[in-house]
Amino acid sequence: MFTIFLAAVLPALILFWYVYSRDITPEPTNLVFKGFLFGGISTFVSTMISGPLMTLGAFTQEPTTILESIKTAFFGAAIPEESAKLIMLWLLLRNCRDFDERYDGLVYAASVGLGFATFENLLYVLSAGAGWFAVSVSRAFLAVPGHFAFAIVMGYYYSRQHFSWDEKEKSSARWKMWLYPVLLHGAYDTICFVSGLSESLNLILTFCLLWFCWRLFRHTRNRIIAEAADNASGSGYYADHRDFYADSRRRNDGGGFIFGGRDLFGRDIEYYYKDGDNSVDEQ
C-alpha cells in the first residue's frame, strides 16, 4: 500500500520541488502545505461546478463524437477544475503577507495545482486495482505535469494582476489567469477524449498528446527560470543565484510554445516590470 501511495504522490512532489527550490526567498512551509490541502479541497469544489453543468446538458460523461469530446473536455473538466483551483488560490492569498514577490505566485499556484493533481492521482491509482502501476506511470508523465503547467500559467497572471500598477494590465490579467489555464486544460483533455473514439486515430493522437505535453513542459520550465531570474536580479542578495538564473534565462530565451520564437502568449510574457522589482515594499 505504501508503494502505491508513493507512486501517486511522488510525481507531484518532484515537480513542486522544481519550482520551490528556485525561489531565493522560500515560502513558509505551513503556507505551502496549506496550498496543497486547498488543492485537494478544490477537487470537491470542481464537482460542485461540473455537476450542475452536466444536469443542464452541457456535457456527457461518455462522449461518442468529436463535438461531445470537446464539450466534455471544457465543461466537464477544464472549466470546473481550473475555476475551483483559482478560487482556492484566491482564498489562500487574499490576506497573505508572504505573497510579496512575483515568483511567489508561481509557488503558491503550483502548490494548489499539484495538491489537486495529487488527490486526483490517489483516486485513480487506488481504484485501478492490479493495474495501478501502469496508471501511475501514465499519469506521472501526462496528467500530473499537465496540472503543474496549468498552475504555472495561472500563477504567472495572478502575480501580474496583483503587482502591476497599470489598471489595464491588472484587468487583462484577471481574465487571463483563468482563461489561459482553461484553454490549455481543455486542449489537453480534448486530445485525450478524441483519442479514445477511434482506434485508427488513437496512435496519432497519442503522439500529439505527448508532443503537446512536452512543449507545455518546456514552456513551463522556461517560464519558471525566467521568473526566477527576474526575482533574483531584483534582489540585493544572493549574487550566485543571480548569476545562475541570468545564465539559465539566456540559455532558455526564445523557446516559444508551439514552434519556437515568441513565447506562448506573445507580448504578455515580456517582462512587464521595467523599473525595479515592483514588490509590495516598493509600492
Protein backbone atom coordinates (compact mmCIF):
# COMPACT_ATOMS: atom_id res chain seq x y z
CA MET A 1 0.00 0.00 0.00
CA PHE A 2 2.87 2.38 0.79
CA THR A 3 4.35 1.76 -2.66
CA ILE A 4 1.05 2.63 -4.33
CA PHE A 5 0.72 5.77 -2.20
CA LEU A 6 4.28 6.82 -3.08
CA ALA A 7 3.67 6.23 -6.79
CA ALA A 8 0.64 8.53 -6.64
CA VAL A 9 2.27 11.31 -4.60
CA LEU A 10 5.92 11.38 -5.71
CA PRO A 11 5.45 12.94 -9.21
CA ALA A 12 3.73 16.00 -7.72
CA LEU A 13 6.36 16.39 -5.01
CA ILE A 14 9.19 16.27 -7.56
CA LEU A 15 7.55 18.90 -9.75
CA PHE A 16 6.81 21.13 -6.78
CA TRP A 17 10.41 20.92 -5.61
CA TYR A 18 11.45 22.03 -9.09
CA VAL A 19 9.66 25.37 -8.69
CA TYR A 20 10.08 25.76 -4.91
CA SER A 21 13.87 25.25 -4.95
CA ARG A 22 14.29 28.16 -7.38
CA ASP A 23 12.78 30.72 -5.02
CA ILE A 24 15.63 32.76 -3.47
CA THR A 25 13.37 33.57 -0.51
CA PRO A 26 11.46 30.29 0.05
CA GLU A 27 7.84 30.50 1.14
CA PRO A 28 6.78 29.31 4.61
CA THR A 29 6.25 25.55 4.65
CA ASN A 30 2.97 25.90 6.53
CA LEU A 31 1.54 28.03 3.72
CA VAL A 32 2.85 25.64 1.08
CA PHE A 33 1.23 22.72 2.89
CA LYS A 34 -1.97 24.73 3.22
CA GLY A 35 -1.86 25.29 -0.55
CA PHE A 36 -1.65 21.52 -1.11
CA LEU A 37 -4.63 21.00 1.19
CA PHE A 38 -6.58 23.70 -0.64
CA GLY A 39 -5.73 21.94 -3.90
CA GLY A 40 -7.17 18.71 -2.54
CA ILE A 41 -10.32 20.55 -1.46
CA SER A 42 -10.63 22.04 -4.94
CA THR A 43 -11.35 18.55 -6.33
CA PHE A 44 -14.62 18.62 -4.38
CA VAL A 45 -15.31 22.23 -5.36
CA SER A 46 -14.91 21.31 -9.03
CA THR A 47 -17.63 18.67 -8.74
CA MET A 48 -19.97 21.34 -7.36
CA ILE A 49 -19.43 23.21 -10.64
CA SER A 50 -19.42 20.28 -13.07
CA GLY A 51 -22.47 18.61 -11.50
CA PRO A 52 -24.95 21.38 -12.38
CA LEU A 53 -23.34 21.76 -15.83
CA MET A 54 -23.93 18.07 -16.56
CA THR A 55 -27.51 18.35 -15.26
CA LEU A 56 -28.07 21.21 -17.71
CA GLY A 57 -26.79 19.02 -20.54
CA ALA A 58 -23.55 20.95 -21.15
CA PHE A 59 -21.60 17.70 -21.49
CA THR A 60 -21.83 13.93 -21.23
CA GLN A 61 -19.59 11.65 -19.20
CA GLU A 62 -19.02 9.29 -22.13
CA PRO A 63 -18.54 11.31 -25.33
CA THR A 64 -19.07 9.46 -28.61
CA THR A 65 -18.29 12.24 -31.11
CA ILE A 66 -15.59 14.85 -31.51
CA LEU A 67 -18.02 17.66 -30.59
CA GLU A 68 -19.09 15.82 -27.44
CA SER A 69 -15.43 15.26 -26.60
CA ILE A 70 -14.73 18.99 -26.83
CA LYS A 71 -17.75 19.82 -24.68
CA THR A 72 -16.79 17.24 -22.06
CA ALA A 73 -13.17 18.40 -22.05
CA PHE A 74 -14.15 22.00 -21.35
CA PHE A 75 -17.42 21.85 -19.40
CA GLY A 76 -16.70 18.59 -17.61
CA ALA A 77 -13.04 19.16 -16.73
CA ALA A 78 -11.22 22.34 -17.74
CA ILE A 79 -13.74 24.98 -16.65
CA PRO A 80 -14.81 23.36 -13.34
CA GLU A 81 -11.30 22.29 -12.30
CA GLU A 82 -9.43 25.49 -13.20
CA SER A 83 -12.22 27.62 -11.68
CA ALA A 84 -12.03 25.61 -8.45
CA LYS A 85 -8.25 25.91 -8.31
CA LEU A 86 -8.40 29.66 -8.90
CA ILE A 87 -10.99 30.07 -6.13
CA MET A 88 -8.77 28.17 -3.70
CA LEU A 89 -5.68 30.14 -4.78
CA TRP A 90 -7.56 33.37 -4.10
CA LEU A 91 -8.62 32.11 -0.66
CA LEU A 92 -5.02 31.18 0.07
CA LEU A 93 -3.50 34.52 -0.97
CA ARG A 94 -6.18 37.14 -0.32
CA ASN A 95 -4.69 38.18 3.04
CA CYS A 96 -1.26 36.59 2.68
CA ARG A 97 1.56 38.88 3.86
CA ASP A 98 4.16 36.47 2.48
CA PHE A 99 2.89 36.98 -1.07
CA ASP A 100 5.37 39.80 -1.69
CA GLU A 101 7.23 38.79 -4.87
CA ARG A 102 6.10 37.93 -8.38
CA TYR A 103 7.70 34.50 -8.21
CA ASP A 104 5.59 33.65 -5.17
CA GLY A 105 2.54 33.45 -7.40
CA LEU A 106 4.11 30.52 -9.25
CA VAL A 107 4.97 28.74 -5.99
CA TYR A 108 1.53 29.07 -4.42
CA ALA A 109 -0.34 28.28 -7.64
CA ALA A 110 1.86 25.19 -8.08
CA SER A 111 1.05 24.07 -4.53
CA VAL A 112 -2.69 24.33 -5.21
CA GLY A 113 -2.49 22.77 -8.69
CA LEU A 114 -0.31 19.89 -7.54
CA GLY A 115 -2.48 19.39 -4.45
CA PHE A 116 -5.37 18.88 -6.85
CA ALA A 117 -3.26 16.56 -9.03
CA THR A 118 -2.07 14.54 -6.01
CA PHE A 119 -5.55 13.90 -4.66
CA GLU A 120 -6.87 13.07 -8.14
CA ASN A 121 -3.90 10.78 -8.70
CA LEU A 122 -4.60 8.91 -5.48
CA LEU A 123 -8.19 8.31 -6.57
CA TYR A 124 -7.15 6.97 -9.98
CA VAL A 125 -4.28 4.80 -8.74
CA LEU A 126 -6.16 3.30 -5.79
CA SER A 127 -9.18 2.50 -7.97
CA ALA A 128 -7.03 0.85 -10.66
CA GLY A 129 -6.57 -2.34 -8.66
CA ALA A 130 -3.95 -4.63 -10.18
CA GLY A 131 -3.27 -2.09 -12.94
CA TRP A 132 -2.10 0.61 -10.52
CA PHE A 133 1.47 0.63 -11.85
CA ALA A 134 0.50 1.38 -15.47
CA VAL A 135 -1.94 4.06 -14.34
CA SER A 136 0.62 5.71 -12.05
CA VAL A 137 3.30 5.77 -14.77
CA SER A 138 1.00 7.23 -17.46
CA ARG A 139 -0.33 9.90 -15.10
CA ALA A 140 3.16 10.72 -13.84
CA PHE A 141 4.21 11.66 -17.38
CA LEU A 142 0.96 13.23 -18.60
CA ALA A 143 -1.75 14.28 -16.14
CA VAL A 144 0.38 15.50 -13.21
CA PRO A 145 2.78 17.60 -15.35
CA GLY A 146 -0.31 18.96 -17.13
CA HIS A 147 -1.83 20.23 -13.88
CA PHE A 148 1.59 21.64 -12.96
CA ALA A 149 1.84 23.57 -16.22
CA PHE A 150 -1.71 24.92 -15.96
CA ALA A 151 -0.91 26.11 -12.43
CA ILE A 152 2.27 27.92 -13.51
CA VAL A 153 0.32 29.86 -16.15
CA MET A 154 -2.35 30.71 -13.57
CA GLY A 155 0.24 31.79 -11.01
CA TYR A 156 2.07 33.98 -13.52
CA TYR A 157 -1.04 36.00 -14.32
CA TYR A 158 -2.19 36.01 -10.69
CA SER A 159 1.07 37.74 -9.78
CA ARG A 160 0.69 40.08 -12.72
CA GLN A 161 -2.74 41.30 -11.62
CA HIS A 162 -1.54 41.57 -8.01
CA PHE A 163 1.65 43.56 -8.52
CA SER A 164 1.09 45.61 -11.67
CA TRP A 165 0.40 49.33 -11.27
CA ASP A 166 -1.35 49.56 -14.64
CA GLU A 167 -5.11 49.10 -14.20
CA LYS A 168 -5.48 47.97 -17.82
CA GLU A 169 -2.83 45.31 -17.28
CA LYS A 170 -4.44 44.21 -14.00
CA SER A 171 -7.85 43.89 -15.64
CA SER A 172 -6.40 41.88 -18.52
CA ALA A 173 -4.51 39.58 -16.18
CA ARG A 174 -7.66 38.86 -14.14
CA TRP A 175 -9.20 37.23 -17.19
CA LYS A 176 -6.04 35.54 -18.40
CA MET A 177 -5.25 33.86 -15.09
CA TRP A 178 -8.47 31.88 -15.60
CA LEU A 179 -8.85 31.80 -19.40
CA TYR A 180 -5.40 30.56 -20.42
CA PRO A 181 -5.30 27.58 -17.99
CA VAL A 182 -8.82 26.65 -19.14
CA LEU A 183 -7.79 26.74 -22.82
CA LEU A 184 -4.67 24.65 -22.20
CA HIS A 185 -6.51 22.17 -20.00
CA GLY A 186 -9.38 21.92 -22.48
CA ALA A 187 -6.99 21.28 -25.37
CA TYR A 188 -5.20 18.58 -23.36
CA ASP A 189 -8.43 16.77 -22.41
CA THR A 190 -9.88 17.10 -25.91
CA ILE A 191 -6.92 15.15 -27.29
CA CYS A 192 -7.39 12.53 -24.56
CA PHE A 193 -11.11 12.06 -25.24
CA VAL A 194 -10.86 12.09 -29.04
CA SER A 195 -8.04 9.54 -29.00
CA GLY A 196 -10.43 7.06 -27.38
CA LEU A 197 -13.07 7.39 -30.10
CA SER A 198 -11.19 5.68 -32.90
CA GLU A 199 -8.50 3.00 -32.91
CA SER A 200 -7.12 4.42 -36.15
CA LEU A 201 -6.72 7.86 -34.54
CA ASN A 202 -5.53 6.58 -31.20
CA LEU A 203 -1.85 6.21 -32.08
CA ILE A 204 -1.65 9.53 -33.94
CA LEU A 205 -3.42 11.45 -31.18
CA THR A 206 -1.33 9.77 -28.51
CA PHE A 207 1.79 11.15 -30.19
CA CYS A 208 0.04 14.53 -30.45
CA LEU A 209 -0.70 14.39 -26.73
CA LEU A 210 2.90 13.51 -25.89
CA TRP A 211 4.15 16.36 -28.11
CA PHE A 212 1.67 18.77 -26.54
CA CYS A 213 2.80 17.81 -23.03
CA TRP A 214 6.47 18.10 -23.96
CA ARG A 215 6.02 21.58 -25.42
CA LEU A 216 3.92 22.60 -22.44
CA PHE A 217 6.62 21.35 -20.08
CA ARG A 218 9.34 23.25 -21.96
CA HIS A 219 7.27 26.42 -21.86
CA THR A 220 6.60 25.94 -18.15
CA ARG A 221 10.27 25.32 -17.40
CA ASN A 222 11.29 28.46 -19.30
CA ARG A 223 8.61 30.47 -17.52
CA ILE A 224 9.92 29.33 -14.11
CA ILE A 225 13.54 30.08 -14.99
CA ALA A 226 12.68 33.50 -16.41
CA GLU A 227 10.61 34.49 -13.36
CA ALA A 228 13.31 33.20 -11.00
CA ALA A 229 15.91 35.22 -12.94
CA ASP A 230 13.87 38.41 -12.63
CA ASN A 231 13.24 37.69 -8.96
CA ALA A 232 16.95 37.16 -8.30
CA SER A 233 18.07 40.17 -10.36
CA GLY A 234 15.73 42.44 -8.38
CA SER A 235 17.21 41.29 -5.08
CA GLY A 236 20.22 42.79 -3.35
CA TYR A 237 21.29 39.37 -2.10
CA TYR A 238 22.49 36.02 -3.35
CA ALA A 239 24.78 37.09 -6.19
CA ASP A 240 25.41 33.45 -7.04
CA HIS A 241 21.67 32.96 -7.56
CA ARG A 242 21.50 35.99 -9.84
CA ASP A 243 24.38 34.73 -11.96
CA PHE A 244 22.90 31.23 -12.16
CA TYR A 245 19.44 32.38 -13.19
CA ALA A 246 20.74 35.02 -15.58
CA ASP A 247 22.72 32.33 -17.37
CA SER A 248 19.75 29.94 -17.34
CA ARG A 249 17.49 32.66 -18.69
CA ARG A 250 19.84 33.37 -21.59
CA ARG A 251 20.02 29.67 -22.43
CA ASN A 252 16.23 29.35 -22.35
CA ASP A 253 15.25 32.53 -24.20
CA GLY A 254 13.35 32.21 -27.46
CA GLY A 255 11.57 28.94 -26.70
CA GLY A 256 8.05 29.56 -27.95
CA PHE A 257 5.26 27.16 -27.04
CA ILE A 258 4.34 25.88 -30.49
CA PHE A 259 7.16 26.34 -32.98
CA GLY A 260 9.78 28.30 -31.05
CA GLY A 261 10.48 32.01 -31.29
CA ARG A 262 7.97 34.12 -29.35
CA ASP A 263 6.53 32.68 -26.17
CA LEU A 264 3.05 31.20 -25.76
CA PHE A 265 1.28 34.46 -25.12
CA GLY A 266 3.43 36.80 -27.23
CA ARG A 267 3.83 40.23 -25.67
CA ASP A 268 2.06 39.11 -22.49
CA ILE A 269 5.12 37.11 -21.48
CA GLU A 270 7.54 40.03 -21.86
CA TYR A 271 8.95 41.31 -18.60
CA TYR A 272 6.36 43.81 -17.52
CA TYR A 273 8.27 45.29 -14.60
CA LYS A 274 10.75 47.61 -16.28
CA ASP A 275 11.93 49.59 -13.26
CA GLY A 276 12.95 47.60 -10.22
CA ASP A 277 11.23 44.68 -8.61
CA ASN A 278 7.87 46.44 -8.02
CA SER A 279 7.33 44.32 -4.92
CA VAL A 280 4.85 45.28 -2.21
CA ASP A 281 7.58 47.09 -0.29
CA GLU A 282 8.37 49.32 -3.27
CA GLN A 283 4.73 50.14 -3.80
